[in-house]
Amino acid sequence: MKLGVLVNEGPFTHQASDSAYHFVKAALDKGHEVSRVFFYYDGVNNGNKLSAPQSDDRNLVKLWGKMAEEHDLDLVVCVAAALRRGVSDENLAPGFRISGLGQLIEAAMESERLVVFGD
């Protein structure tokens, strides 16, 4: 199955980001295709390389980036939401790219399912 994923919450304020990460990991492990993960609203903070969680906490920014590298996964951060939250090309984590809402629409159209995490 071809899936698109929308993440609307940040990595430290809500369970949605963790759930999205584990969902995508499980889908890829089962052989499903994930066409794109689109980060919107506070979800754009998943792509901020300036976040610094404690050493004994999970680091979702790095985990997403590693997954993108291993699976050639397209991680897209919404440009308008990112700029409102101080996320720009200068502090974008490896594996992520900034683009517009058209990328979300394209992911929804090309996928059999669009799975949404967060409000």
PDB file of N, CA and C in Angstrom:
ATOM      1  N   MET A   1       0.846  -1.176   0.000  1.00  0.00           N
ATOM      2  CA  MET A   1       0.000   0.000   0.000  1.00  0.00           C
ATOM      3  C   MET A   1       0.891   1.239   0.000  1.00  0.00           C
ATOM      4  N   LYS A   2       0.476   2.246  -0.726  1.00  0.00           N
ATOM      5  CA  LYS A   2       1.205   3.508  -0.783  1.00  0.00           C
ATOM      6  C   LYS A   2       0.561   4.494   0.184  1.00  0.00           C
ATOM      7  N   LEU A   3       1.359   4.997   1.114  1.00  0.00           N
ATOM      8  CA  LEU A   3       0.866   5.853   2.182  1.00  0.00           C
ATOM      9  C   LEU A   3       1.500   7.234   2.135  1.00  0.00           C
ATOM     10  N   GLY A   4       0.722   8.230   2.501  1.00  0.00           N
ATOM     11  CA  GLY A   4       1.217   9.568   2.790  1.00  0.00           C
ATOM     12  C   GLY A   4       0.960   9.817   4.266  1.00  0.00           C
ATOM     13  N   VAL A   5       1.817  10.598   4.896  1.00  0.00           N
ATOM     14  CA  VAL A   5       1.687  10.845   6.335  1.00  0.00           C
ATOM     15  C   VAL A   5       1.771  12.342   6.592  1.00  0.00           C
ATOM     16  N   LEU A   6       0.874  12.830   7.448  1.00  0.00           N
ATOM     17  CA  LEU A   6       0.850  14.229   7.862  1.00  0.00           C
ATOM     18  C   LEU A   6       1.076  14.279   9.370  1.00  0.00           C
ATOM     19  N   VAL A   7       2.080  15.047   9.802  1.00  0.00           N
ATOM     20  CA  VAL A   7       2.403  15.189  11.225  1.00  0.00           C
ATOM     21  C   VAL A   7       2.167  16.649  11.616  1.00  0.00           C
ATOM     22  N   ASN A   8       1.236  16.861  12.548  1.00  0.00           N
ATOM     23  CA  ASN A   8       0.844  18.224  12.935  1.00  0.00           C
ATOM     24  C   ASN A   8       1.366  18.654  14.299  1.00  0.00           C
ATOM     25  N   GLU A   9       2.075  17.804  14.993  1.00  0.00           N
ATOM     26  CA  GLU A   9       2.543  18.126  16.348  1.00  0.00           C
ATOM     27  C   GLU A   9       4.061  17.990  16.443  1.00  0.00           C
ATOM     28  N   GLY A  10       4.636  18.758  17.362  1.00  0.00           N
ATOM     29  CA  GLY A  10       6.077  18.754  17.558  1.00  0.00           C
ATOM     30  C   GLY A  10       6.578  17.533  18.309  1.00  0.00           C
ATOM     31  N   PRO A  11       7.881  17.358  18.357  1.00  0.00           N
ATOM     32  CA  PRO A  11       8.466  16.158  18.947  1.00  0.00           C
ATOM     33  C   PRO A  11       8.462  16.124  20.470  1.00  0.00           C
ATOM     34  N   PHE A  12       8.176  17.232  21.128  1.00  0.00           N
ATOM     35  CA  PHE A  12       8.287  17.260  22.586  1.00  0.00           C
ATOM     36  C   PHE A  12       6.998  17.663  23.292  1.00  0.00           C
ATOM     37  N   THR A  13       5.935  17.937  22.544  1.00  0.00           N
ATOM     38  CA  THR A  13       4.724  18.449  23.161  1.00  0.00           C
ATOM     39  C   THR A  13       3.529  17.515  23.050  1.00  0.00           C
ATOM     40  N   HIS A  14       3.651  16.454  22.293  1.00  0.00           N
ATOM     41  CA  HIS A  14       2.494  15.624  21.994  1.00  0.00           C
ATOM     42  C   HIS A  14       2.976  14.246  21.555  1.00  0.00           C
ATOM     43  N   GLN A  15       2.171  13.235  21.784  1.00  0.00           N
ATOM     44  CA  GLN A  15       2.502  11.865  21.398  1.00  0.00           C
ATOM     45  C   GLN A  15       2.452  11.655  19.882  1.00  0.00           C
ATOM     46  N   ALA A  16       1.795  12.547  19.154  1.00  0.00           N
ATOM     47  CA  ALA A  16       1.558  12.352  17.723  1.00  0.00           C
ATOM     48  C   ALA A  16       2.836  12.130  16.929  1.00  0.00           C
ATOM     49  N   SER A  17       3.880  12.859  17.242  1.00  0.00           N
ATOM     50  CA  SER A  17       5.124  12.722  16.489  1.00  0.00           C
ATOM     51  C   SER A  17       5.758  11.344  16.713  1.00  0.00           C
ATOM     52  N   ASP A  18       5.780  10.902  17.967  1.00  0.00           N
ATOM     53  CA  ASP A  18       6.282   9.553  18.263  1.00  0.00           C
ATOM     54  C   ASP A  18       5.452   8.501  17.539  1.00  0.00           C
ATOM     55  N   SER A  19       4.140   8.647  17.608  1.00  0.00           N
ATOM     56  CA  SER A  19       3.250   7.681  16.961  1.00  0.00           C
ATOM     57  C   SER A  19       3.467   7.662  15.456  1.00  0.00           C
ATOM     58  N   ALA A  20       3.623   8.826  14.856  1.00  0.00           N
ATOM     59  CA  ALA A  20       3.868   8.901  13.414  1.00  0.00           C
ATOM     60  C   ALA A  20       5.174   8.204  13.056  1.00  0.00           C
ATOM     61  N   TYR A  21       6.214   8.466  13.829  1.00  0.00           N
ATOM     62  CA  TYR A  21       7.510   7.834  13.562  1.00  0.00           C
ATOM     63  C   TYR A  21       7.394   6.310  13.606  1.00  0.00           C
ATOM     64  N   HIS A  22       6.770   5.793  14.658  1.00  0.00           N
ATOM     65  CA  HIS A  22       6.648   4.341  14.800  1.00  0.00           C
ATOM     66  C   HIS A  22       5.723   3.741  13.741  1.00  0.00           C
ATOM     67  N   PHE A  23       4.697   4.482  13.344  1.00  0.00           N
ATOM     68  CA  PHE A  23       3.815   4.029  12.271  1.00  0.00           C
ATOM     69  C   PHE A  23       4.584   3.904  10.960  1.00  0.00           C
ATOM     70  N   VAL A  24       5.335   4.940  10.607  1.00  0.00           N
ATOM     71  CA  VAL A  24       6.095   4.936   9.354  1.00  0.00           C
ATOM     72  C   VAL A  24       7.140   3.823   9.380  1.00  0.00           C
ATOM     73  N   LYS A  25       7.820   3.680  10.503  1.00  0.00           N
ATOM     74  CA  LYS A  25       8.824   2.613  10.631  1.00  0.00           C
ATOM     75  C   LYS A  25       8.186   1.243  10.415  1.00  0.00           C
ATOM     76  N   ALA A  26       7.049   0.997  11.060  1.00  0.00           N
ATOM     77  CA  ALA A  26       6.370  -0.288  10.925  1.00  0.00           C
ATOM     78  C   ALA A  26       5.876  -0.503   9.491  1.00  0.00           C
ATOM     79  N   ALA A  27       5.338   0.536   8.875  1.00  0.00           N
ATOM     80  CA  ALA A  27       4.855   0.417   7.499  1.00  0.00           C
ATOM     81  C   ALA A  27       5.994   0.060   6.550  1.00  0.00           C
ATOM     82  N   LEU A  28       7.122   0.736   6.702  1.00  0.00           N
ATOM     83  CA  LEU A  28       8.278   0.440   5.847  1.00  0.00           C
ATOM     84  C   LEU A  28       8.798  -0.969   6.101  1.00  0.00           C
ATOM     85  N   ASP A  29       8.854  -1.369   7.364  1.00  0.00           N
ATOM     86  CA  ASP A  29       9.322  -2.717   7.705  1.00  0.00           C
ATOM     87  C   ASP A  29       8.420  -3.799   7.113  1.00  0.00           C
ATOM     88  N   LYS A  30       7.139  -3.487   6.940  1.00  0.00           N
ATOM     89  CA  LYS A  30       6.173  -4.447   6.368  1.00  0.00           C
ATOM     90  C   LYS A  30       6.130  -4.382   4.843  1.00  0.00           C
ATOM     91  N   GLY A  31       6.957  -3.524   4.249  1.00  0.00           N
ATOM     92  CA  GLY A  31       7.032  -3.456   2.797  1.00  0.00           C
ATOM     93  C   GLY A  31       6.100  -2.459   2.133  1.00  0.00           C
ATOM     94  N   HIS A  32       5.433  -1.629   2.915  1.00  0.00           N
ATOM     95  CA  HIS A  32       4.579  -0.595   2.340  1.00  0.00           C
ATOM     96  C   HIS A  32       5.447   0.569   1.856  1.00  0.00           C
ATOM     97  N   GLU A  33       4.917   1.324   0.934  1.00  0.00           N
ATOM     98  CA  GLU A  33       5.616   2.502   0.427  1.00  0.00           C
ATOM     99  C   GLU A  33       5.069   3.746   1.108  1.00  0.00           C
ATOM    100  N   VAL A  34       5.959   4.586   1.594  1.00  0.00           N
ATOM    101  CA  VAL A  34       5.561   5.877   2.168  1.00  0.00           C
ATOM    102  C   VAL A  34       6.042   6.944   1.197  1.00  0.00           C
ATOM    103  N   SER A  35       5.094   7.570   0.513  1.00  0.00           N
ATOM    104  CA  SER A  35       5.457   8.523  -0.537  1.00  0.00           C
ATOM    105  C   SER A  35       6.050   9.805   0.031  1.00  0.00           C
ATOM    106  N   ARG A  36       5.542  10.218   1.198  1.00  0.00           N
ATOM    107  CA  ARG A  36       6.031  11.475   1.783  1.00  0.00           C
ATOM    108  C   ARG A  36       5.525  11.586   3.210  1.00  0.00           C
ATOM    109  N   VAL A  37       6.336  12.210   4.060  1.00  0.00           N
ATOM    110  CA  VAL A  37       5.892  12.618   5.392  1.00  0.00           C
ATOM    111  C   VAL A  37       5.921  14.143   5.373  1.00  0.00           C
ATOM    112  N   PHE A  38       4.761  14.742   5.598  1.00  0.00           N
ATOM    113  CA  PHE A  38       4.637  16.192   5.551  1.00  0.00           C
ATOM    114  C   PHE A  38       4.431  16.706   6.966  1.00  0.00           C
ATOM    115  N   PHE A  39       5.247  17.678   7.363  1.00  0.00           N
ATOM    116  CA  PHE A  39       5.198  18.250   8.708  1.00  0.00           C
ATOM    117  C   PHE A  39       4.565  19.644   8.619  1.00  0.00           C
ATOM    118  N   TYR A  40       3.483  19.815   9.386  1.00  0.00           N
ATOM    119  CA  TYR A  40       2.690  21.041   9.321  1.00  0.00           C
ATOM    120  C   TYR A  40       2.434  21.540  10.743  1.00  0.00           C
ATOM    121  N   TYR A  41       1.984  22.764  10.880  1.00  0.00           N
ATOM    122  CA  TYR A  41       1.763  23.383  12.195  1.00  0.00           C
ATOM    123  C   TYR A  41       3.007  23.172  13.062  1.00  0.00           C
ATOM    124  N   ASP A  42       2.825  22.792  14.344  1.00  0.00           N
ATOM    125  CA  ASP A  42       3.990  22.578  15.216  1.00  0.00           C
ATOM    126  C   ASP A  42       4.815  21.369  14.807  1.00  0.00           C
ATOM    127  N   GLY A  43       4.292  20.546  13.918  1.00  0.00           N
ATOM    128  CA  GLY A  43       5.045  19.400  13.414  1.00  0.00           C
ATOM    129  C   GLY A  43       6.340  19.789  12.723  1.00  0.00           C
ATOM    130  N   VAL A  44       6.427  21.046  12.261  1.00  0.00           N
ATOM    131  CA  VAL A  44       7.657  21.491  11.597  1.00  0.00           C
ATOM    132  C   VAL A  44       8.864  21.442  12.545  1.00  0.00           C
ATOM    133  N   ASN A  45       8.592  21.460  13.856  1.00  0.00           N
ATOM    134  CA  ASN A  45       9.694  21.395  14.826  1.00  0.00           C
ATOM    135  C   ASN A  45      10.415  20.056  14.807  1.00  0.00           C
ATOM    136  N   ASN A  46       9.836  19.049  14.170  1.00  0.00           N
ATOM    137  CA  ASN A  46      10.518  17.778  13.991  1.00  0.00           C
ATOM    138  C   ASN A  46      11.740  17.920  13.085  1.00  0.00           C
ATOM    139  N   GLY A  47      11.783  18.982  12.303  1.00  0.00           N
ATOM    140  CA  GLY A  47      12.892  19.210  11.388  1.00  0.00           C
ATOM    141  C   GLY A  47      13.888  20.249  11.853  1.00  0.00           C
ATOM    142  N   ASN A  48      13.821  20.679  13.102  1.00  0.00           N
ATOM    143  CA  ASN A  48      14.705  21.719  13.629  1.00  0.00           C
ATOM    144  C   ASN A  48      15.942  21.085  14.263  1.00  0.00           C
ATOM    145  N   LYS A  49      17.077  21.243  13.622  1.00  0.00           N
ATOM    146  CA  LYS A  49      18.306  20.621  14.129  1.00  0.00           C
ATOM    147  C   LYS A  49      18.827  21.291  15.406  1.00  0.00           C
ATOM    148  N   LEU A  50      18.248  22.416  15.802  1.00  0.00           N
ATOM    149  CA  LEU A  50      18.697  23.105  17.008  1.00  0.00           C
ATOM    150  C   LEU A  50      18.090  22.529  18.283  1.00  0.00           C
ATOM    151  N   SER A  51      17.133  21.631  18.148  1.00  0.00           N
ATOM    152  CA  SER A  51      16.559  21.009  19.353  1.00  0.00           C
ATOM    153  C   SER A  51      17.625  20.139  20.008  1.00  0.00           C
ATOM    154  N   ALA A  52      17.619  20.133  21.332  1.00  0.00           N
ATOM    155  CA  ALA A  52      18.655  19.396  22.074  1.00  0.00           C
ATOM    156  C   ALA A  52      18.037  18.667  23.260  1.00  0.00           C
ATOM    157  N   PRO A  53      17.408  17.511  23.016  1.00  0.00           N
ATOM    158  CA  PRO A  53      16.837  16.753  24.138  1.00  0.00           C
ATOM    159  C   PRO A  53      17.942  16.184  25.030  1.00  0.00           C
ATOM    160  N   GLN A  54      17.562  15.821  26.260  1.00  0.00           N
ATOM    161  CA  GLN A  54      18.534  15.232  27.180  1.00  0.00           C
ATOM    162  C   GLN A  54      19.119  13.956  26.564  1.00  0.00           C
ATOM    163  N   SER A  55      20.297  13.579  27.005  1.00  0.00           N
ATOM    164  CA  SER A  55      20.976  12.426  26.427  1.00  0.00           C
ATOM    165  C   SER A  55      20.230  11.118  26.661  1.00  0.00           C
ATOM    166  N   ASP A  56      19.397  11.047  27.694  1.00  0.00           N
ATOM    167  CA  ASP A  56      18.665   9.805  27.967  1.00  0.00           C
ATOM    168  C   ASP A  56      17.257   9.813  27.349  1.00  0.00           C
ATOM    169  N   ASP A  57      16.942  10.831  26.550  1.00  0.00           N
ATOM    170  CA  ASP A  57      15.639  10.933  25.899  1.00  0.00           C
ATOM    171  C   ASP A  57      15.799  10.615  24.413  1.00  0.00           C
ATOM    172  N   ARG A  58      14.709  10.186  23.774  1.00  0.00           N
ATOM    173  CA  ARG A  58      14.774   9.923  22.340  1.00  0.00           C
ATOM    174  C   ARG A  58      14.925  11.249  21.609  1.00  0.00           C
ATOM    175  N   ASN A  59      15.590  11.204  20.473  1.00  0.00           N
ATOM    176  CA  ASN A  59      15.798  12.399  19.667  1.00  0.00           C
ATOM    177  C   ASN A  59      15.092  12.178  18.334  1.00  0.00           C
ATOM    178  N   LEU A  60      13.828  12.573  18.272  1.00  0.00           N
ATOM    179  CA  LEU A  60      13.033  12.319  17.074  1.00  0.00           C
ATOM    180  C   LEU A  60      13.575  13.018  15.838  1.00  0.00           C
ATOM    181  N   VAL A  61      14.187  14.170  16.005  1.00  0.00           N
ATOM    182  CA  VAL A  61      14.744  14.870  14.856  1.00  0.00           C
ATOM    183  C   VAL A  61      15.789  13.982  14.183  1.00  0.00           C
ATOM    184  N   LYS A  62      16.687  13.420  14.967  1.00  0.00           N
ATOM    185  CA  LYS A  62      17.716  12.531  14.413  1.00  0.00           C
ATOM    186  C   LYS A  62      17.121  11.213  13.917  1.00  0.00           C
ATOM    187  N   LEU A  63      16.128  10.689  14.640  1.00  0.00           N
ATOM    188  CA  LEU A  63      15.497   9.432  14.212  1.00  0.00           C
ATOM    189  C   LEU A  63      14.802   9.586  12.865  1.00  0.00           C
ATOM    190  N   TRP A  64      14.070  10.689  12.675  1.00  0.00           N
ATOM    191  CA  TRP A  64      13.446  10.937  11.379  1.00  0.00           C
ATOM    192  C   TRP A  64      14.502  11.051  10.281  1.00  0.00           C
ATOM    193  N   GLY A  65      15.562  11.802  10.559  1.00  0.00           N
ATOM    194  CA  GLY A  65      16.619  11.976   9.559  1.00  0.00           C
ATOM    195  C   GLY A  65      17.289  10.664   9.181  1.00  0.00           C
ATOM    196  N   LYS A  66      17.533   9.817  10.171  1.00  0.00           N
ATOM    197  CA  LYS A  66      18.142   8.514   9.908  1.00  0.00           C
ATOM    198  C   LYS A  66      17.210   7.650   9.068  1.00  0.00           C
ATOM    199  N   MET A  67      15.925   7.673   9.394  1.00  0.00           N
ATOM    200  CA  MET A  67      14.952   6.900   8.624  1.00  0.00           C
ATOM    201  C   MET A  67      14.900   7.390   7.178  1.00  0.00           C
ATOM    202  N   ALA A  68      14.942   8.695   6.996  1.00  0.00           N
ATOM    203  CA  ALA A  68      14.915   9.265   5.643  1.00  0.00           C
ATOM    204  C   ALA A  68      16.114   8.787   4.834  1.00  0.00           C
ATOM    205  N   GLU A  69      17.267   8.764   5.470  1.00  0.00           N
ATOM    206  CA  GLU A  69      18.485   8.328   4.788  1.00  0.00           C
ATOM    207  C   GLU A  69      18.424   6.840   4.433  1.00  0.00           C
ATOM    208  N   GLU A  70      17.975   6.026   5.365  1.00  0.00           N
ATOM    209  CA  GLU A  70      17.942   4.576   5.158  1.00  0.00           C
ATOM    210  C   GLU A  70      16.903   4.135   4.131  1.00  0.00           C
ATOM    211  N   HIS A  71      15.788   4.870   4.032  1.00  0.00           N
ATOM    212  CA  HIS A  71      14.682   4.446   3.178  1.00  0.00           C
ATOM    213  C   HIS A  71      14.383   5.422   2.038  1.00  0.00           C
ATOM    214  N   ASP A  72      15.265   6.373   1.819  1.00  0.00           N
ATOM    215  CA  ASP A  72      15.043   7.399   0.796  1.00  0.00           C
ATOM    216  C   ASP A  72      13.650   8.006   0.952  1.00  0.00           C
ATOM    217  N   LEU A  73      13.358   8.407   2.176  1.00  0.00           N
ATOM    218  CA  LEU A  73      12.049   8.926   2.547  1.00  0.00           C
ATOM    219  C   LEU A  73      12.020  10.443   2.371  1.00  0.00           C
ATOM    220  N   ASP A  74      10.938  10.945   1.795  1.00  0.00           N
ATOM    221  CA  ASP A  74      10.779  12.376   1.554  1.00  0.00           C
ATOM    222  C   ASP A  74      10.133  13.038   2.771  1.00  0.00           C
ATOM    223  N   LEU A  75      10.928  13.781   3.534  1.00  0.00           N
ATOM    224  CA  LEU A  75      10.444  14.502   4.716  1.00  0.00           C
ATOM    225  C   LEU A  75      10.318  15.978   4.355  1.00  0.00           C
ATOM    226  N   VAL A  76       9.088  16.473   4.305  1.00  0.00           N
ATOM    227  CA  VAL A  76       8.840  17.839   3.855  1.00  0.00           C
ATOM    228  C   VAL A  76       8.268  18.671   4.996  1.00  0.00           C
ATOM    229  N   VAL A  77       8.883  19.813   5.239  1.00  0.00           N
ATOM    230  CA  VAL A  77       8.457  20.770   6.254  1.00  0.00           C
ATOM    231  C   VAL A  77       7.751  21.920   5.535  1.00  0.00           C
ATOM    232  N   CYS A  78       6.537  22.255   5.980  1.00  0.00           N
ATOM    233  CA  CYS A  78       5.775  23.345   5.368  1.00  0.00           C
ATOM    234  C   CYS A  78       6.494  24.683   5.577  1.00  0.00           C
ATOM    235  N   VAL A  79       6.741  25.384   4.505  1.00  0.00           N
ATOM    236  CA  VAL A  79       7.509  26.620   4.566  1.00  0.00           C
ATOM    237  C   VAL A  79       6.827  27.690   5.415  1.00  0.00           C
ATOM    238  N   ALA A  80       5.529  27.905   5.243  1.00  0.00           N
ATOM    239  CA  ALA A  80       4.841  28.964   5.991  1.00  0.00           C
ATOM    240  C   ALA A  80       4.822  28.652   7.481  1.00  0.00           C
ATOM    241  N   ALA A  81       4.490  27.414   7.832  1.00  0.00           N
ATOM    242  CA  ALA A  81       4.466  27.018   9.244  1.00  0.00           C
ATOM    243  C   ALA A  81       5.867  27.056   9.838  1.00  0.00           C
ATOM    244  N   ALA A  82       6.849  26.679   9.061  1.00  0.00           N
ATOM    245  CA  ALA A  82       8.232  26.666   9.538  1.00  0.00           C
ATOM    246  C   ALA A  82       8.724  28.080   9.848  1.00  0.00           C
ATOM    247  N   LEU A  83       8.517  28.995   8.926  1.00  0.00           N
ATOM    248  CA  LEU A  83       8.998  30.357   9.133  1.00  0.00           C
ATOM    249  C   LEU A  83       8.329  31.012  10.334  1.00  0.00           C
ATOM    250  N   ARG A  84       7.050  30.707  10.574  1.00  0.00           N
ATOM    251  CA  ARG A  84       6.357  31.243  11.749  1.00  0.00           C
ATOM    252  C   ARG A  84       6.980  30.743  13.043  1.00  0.00           C
ATOM    253  N   ARG A  85       7.638  29.596  12.989  1.00  0.00           N
ATOM    254  CA  ARG A  85       8.202  28.974  14.188  1.00  0.00           C
ATOM    255  C   ARG A  85       9.725  29.037  14.217  1.00  0.00           C
ATOM    256  N   GLY A  86      10.311  29.826  13.336  1.00  0.00           N
ATOM    257  CA  GLY A  86      11.751  30.024  13.350  1.00  0.00           C
ATOM    258  C   GLY A  86      12.560  28.911  12.719  1.00  0.00           C
ATOM    259  N   VAL A  87      11.903  28.044  11.961  1.00  0.00           N
ATOM    260  CA  VAL A  87      12.616  26.973  11.270  1.00  0.00           C
ATOM    261  C   VAL A  87      12.876  27.438   9.839  1.00  0.00           C
ATOM    262  N   SER A  88      14.144  27.423   9.453  1.00  0.00           N
ATOM    263  CA  SER A  88      14.522  27.881   8.116  1.00  0.00           C
ATOM    264  C   SER A  88      15.587  26.945   7.554  1.00  0.00           C
ATOM    265  N   ASP A  89      16.022  27.224   6.352  1.00  0.00           N
ATOM    266  CA  ASP A  89      17.064  26.395   5.720  1.00  0.00           C
ATOM    267  C   ASP A  89      18.316  26.307   6.590  1.00  0.00           C
ATOM    268  N   GLU A  90      18.620  27.389   7.329  1.00  0.00           N
ATOM    269  CA  GLU A  90      19.834  27.426   8.139  1.00  0.00           C
ATOM    270  C   GLU A  90      19.803  26.442   9.306  1.00  0.00           C
ATOM    271  N   ASN A  91      18.631  26.166   9.839  1.00  0.00           N
ATOM    272  CA  ASN A  91      18.570  25.257  10.996  1.00  0.00           C
ATOM    273  C   ASN A  91      17.732  24.003  10.712  1.00  0.00           C
ATOM    274  N   LEU A  92      17.614  23.669   9.433  1.00  0.00           N
ATOM    275  CA  LEU A  92      16.880  22.478   9.042  1.00  0.00           C
ATOM    276  C   LEU A  92      17.769  21.246   9.218  1.00  0.00           C
ATOM    277  N   ALA A  93      17.228  20.239   9.859  1.00  0.00           N
ATOM    278  CA  ALA A  93      17.982  19.017  10.141  1.00  0.00           C
ATOM    279  C   ALA A  93      18.227  18.226   8.847  1.00  0.00           C
ATOM    280  N   PRO A  94      19.300  17.451   8.816  1.00  0.00           N
ATOM    281  CA  PRO A  94      19.571  16.592   7.654  1.00  0.00           C
ATOM    282  C   PRO A  94      18.421  15.624   7.408  1.00  0.00           C
ATOM    283  N   GLY A  95      18.100  15.451   6.135  1.00  0.00           N
ATOM    284  CA  GLY A  95      17.032  14.546   5.747  1.00  0.00           C
ATOM    285  C   GLY A  95      15.711  15.239   5.479  1.00  0.00           C
ATOM    286  N   PHE A  96      15.584  16.493   5.917  1.00  0.00           N
ATOM    287  CA  PHE A  96      14.358  17.262   5.723  1.00  0.00           C
ATOM    288  C   PHE A  96      14.553  18.278   4.606  1.00  0.00           C
ATOM    289  N   ARG A  97      13.446  18.691   4.015  1.00  0.00           N
ATOM    290  CA  ARG A  97      13.471  19.796   3.055  1.00  0.00           C
ATOM    291  C   ARG A  97      12.248  20.669   3.293  1.00  0.00           C
ATOM    292  N   ILE A  98      12.354  21.929   2.905  1.00  0.00           N
ATOM    293  CA  ILE A  98      11.257  22.883   3.069  1.00  0.00           C
ATOM    294  C   ILE A  98      10.550  23.047   1.734  1.00  0.00           C
ATOM    295  N   SER A  99       9.221  23.018   1.771  1.00  0.00           N
ATOM    296  CA  SER A  99       8.428  23.232   0.569  1.00  0.00           C
ATOM    297  C   SER A  99       7.029  23.701   0.976  1.00  0.00           C
ATOM    298  N   GLY A 100       6.160  23.845   0.002  1.00  0.00           N
ATOM    299  CA  GLY A 100       4.837  24.381   0.256  1.00  0.00           C
ATOM    300  C   GLY A 100       3.759  23.321   0.410  1.00  0.00           C
ATOM    301  N   LEU A 101       2.542  23.793   0.639  1.00  0.00           N
ATOM    302  CA  LEU A 101       1.394  22.917   0.843  1.00  0.00           C
ATOM    303  C   LEU A 101       1.075  22.057  -0.373  1.00  0.00           C
ATOM    304  N   GLY A 102       1.534  22.454  -1.532  1.00  0.00           N
ATOM    305  CA  GLY A 102       1.324  21.645  -2.731  1.00  0.00           C
ATOM    306  C   GLY A 102       1.885  20.243  -2.567  1.00  0.00           C
ATOM    307  N   GLN A 103       2.955  20.123  -1.775  1.00  0.00           N
ATOM    308  CA  GLN A 103       3.561  18.809  -1.531  1.00  0.00           C
ATOM    309  C   GLN A 103       2.630  17.917  -0.709  1.00  0.00           C
ATOM    310  N   LEU A 104       1.848  18.521   0.185  1.00  0.00           N
ATOM    311  CA  LEU A 104       0.862  17.759   0.954  1.00  0.00           C
ATOM    312  C   LEU A 104      -0.263  17.280   0.035  1.00  0.00           C
ATOM    313  N   ILE A 105      -0.756  18.170  -0.808  1.00  0.00           N
ATOM    314  CA  ILE A 105      -1.823  17.808  -1.747  1.00  0.00           C
ATOM    315  C   ILE A 105      -1.342  16.697  -2.674  1.00  0.00           C
ATOM    316  N   GLU A 106      -0.138  16.823  -3.172  1.00  0.00           N
ATOM    317  CA  GLU A 106       0.419  15.797  -4.057  1.00  0.00           C
ATOM    318  C   GLU A 106       0.528  14.447  -3.348  1.00  0.00           C
ATOM    319  N   ALA A 107       0.985  14.466  -2.099  1.00  0.00           N
ATOM    320  CA  ALA A 107       1.098  13.217  -1.334  1.00  0.00           C
ATOM    321  C   ALA A 107      -0.274  12.574  -1.152  1.00  0.00           C
ATOM    322  N   ALA A 108      -1.288  13.387  -0.876  1.00  0.00           N
ATOM    323  CA  ALA A 108      -2.648  12.858  -0.693  1.00  0.00           C
ATOM    324  C   ALA A 108      -3.185  12.272  -1.988  1.00  0.00           C
ATOM    325  N   MET A 109      -2.914  12.923  -3.084  1.00  0.00           N
ATOM    326  CA  MET A 109      -3.424  12.455  -4.377  1.00  0.00           C
ATOM    327  C   MET A 109      -2.721  11.188  -4.849  1.00  0.00           C
ATOM    328  N   GLU A 110      -1.427  11.070  -4.573  1.00  0.00           N
ATOM    329  CA  GLU A 110      -0.643   9.937  -5.056  1.00  0.00           C
ATOM    330  C   GLU A 110      -0.734   8.715  -4.149  1.00  0.00           C
ATOM    331  N   SER A 111      -1.230   8.885  -2.947  1.00  0.00           N
ATOM    332  CA  SER A 111      -1.265   7.794  -1.974  1.00  0.00           C
ATOM    333  C   SER A 111      -2.644   7.145  -1.940  1.00  0.00           C
ATOM    334  N   GLU A 112      -2.647   5.893  -1.507  1.00  0.00           N
ATOM    335  CA  GLU A 112      -3.922   5.213  -1.292  1.00  0.00           C
ATOM    336  C   GLU A 112      -4.572   5.698   0.003  1.00  0.00           C
ATOM    337  N   ARG A 113      -3.750   6.071   0.967  1.00  0.00           N
ATOM    338  CA  ARG A 113      -4.237   6.580   2.256  1.00  0.00           C
ATOM    339  C   ARG A 113      -3.331   7.726   2.700  1.00  0.00           C
ATOM    340  N   LEU A 114      -3.943   8.744   3.298  1.00  0.00           N
ATOM    341  CA  LEU A 114      -3.198   9.804   3.970  1.00  0.00           C
ATOM    342  C   LEU A 114      -3.501   9.653   5.450  1.00  0.00           C
ATOM    343  N   VAL A 115      -2.487   9.356   6.240  1.00  0.00           N
ATOM    344  CA  VAL A 115      -2.654   9.114   7.668  1.00  0.00           C
ATOM    345  C   VAL A 115      -2.204  10.366   8.408  1.00  0.00           C
ATOM    346  N   VAL A 116      -3.073  10.887   9.277  1.00  0.00           N
ATOM    347  CA  VAL A 116      -2.827  12.158   9.969  1.00  0.00           C
ATOM    348  C   VAL A 116      -2.543  11.901  11.440  1.00  0.00           C
ATOM    349  N   PHE A 117      -1.492  12.522  11.962  1.00  0.00           N
ATOM    350  CA  PHE A 117      -1.132  12.429  13.367  1.00  0.00           C
ATOM    351  C   PHE A 117      -1.157  13.823  13.980  1.00  0.00           C
ATOM    352  N   GLY A 118      -1.996  14.002  15.001  1.00  0.00           N
ATOM    353  CA  GLY A 118      -2.136  15.289  15.668  1.00  0.00           C
ATOM    354  C   GLY A 118      -3.341  16.039  15.140  1.00  0.00           C
ATOM    355  N   ASP A 119      -3.740  17.048  15.934  1.00  0.00           N
ATOM    356  CA  ASP A 119      -4.937  17.834  15.594  1.00  0.00           C
ATOM    357  C   ASP A 119      -4.745  18.672  14.364  1.00  0.00           C
TER     358      ASP A 119
END
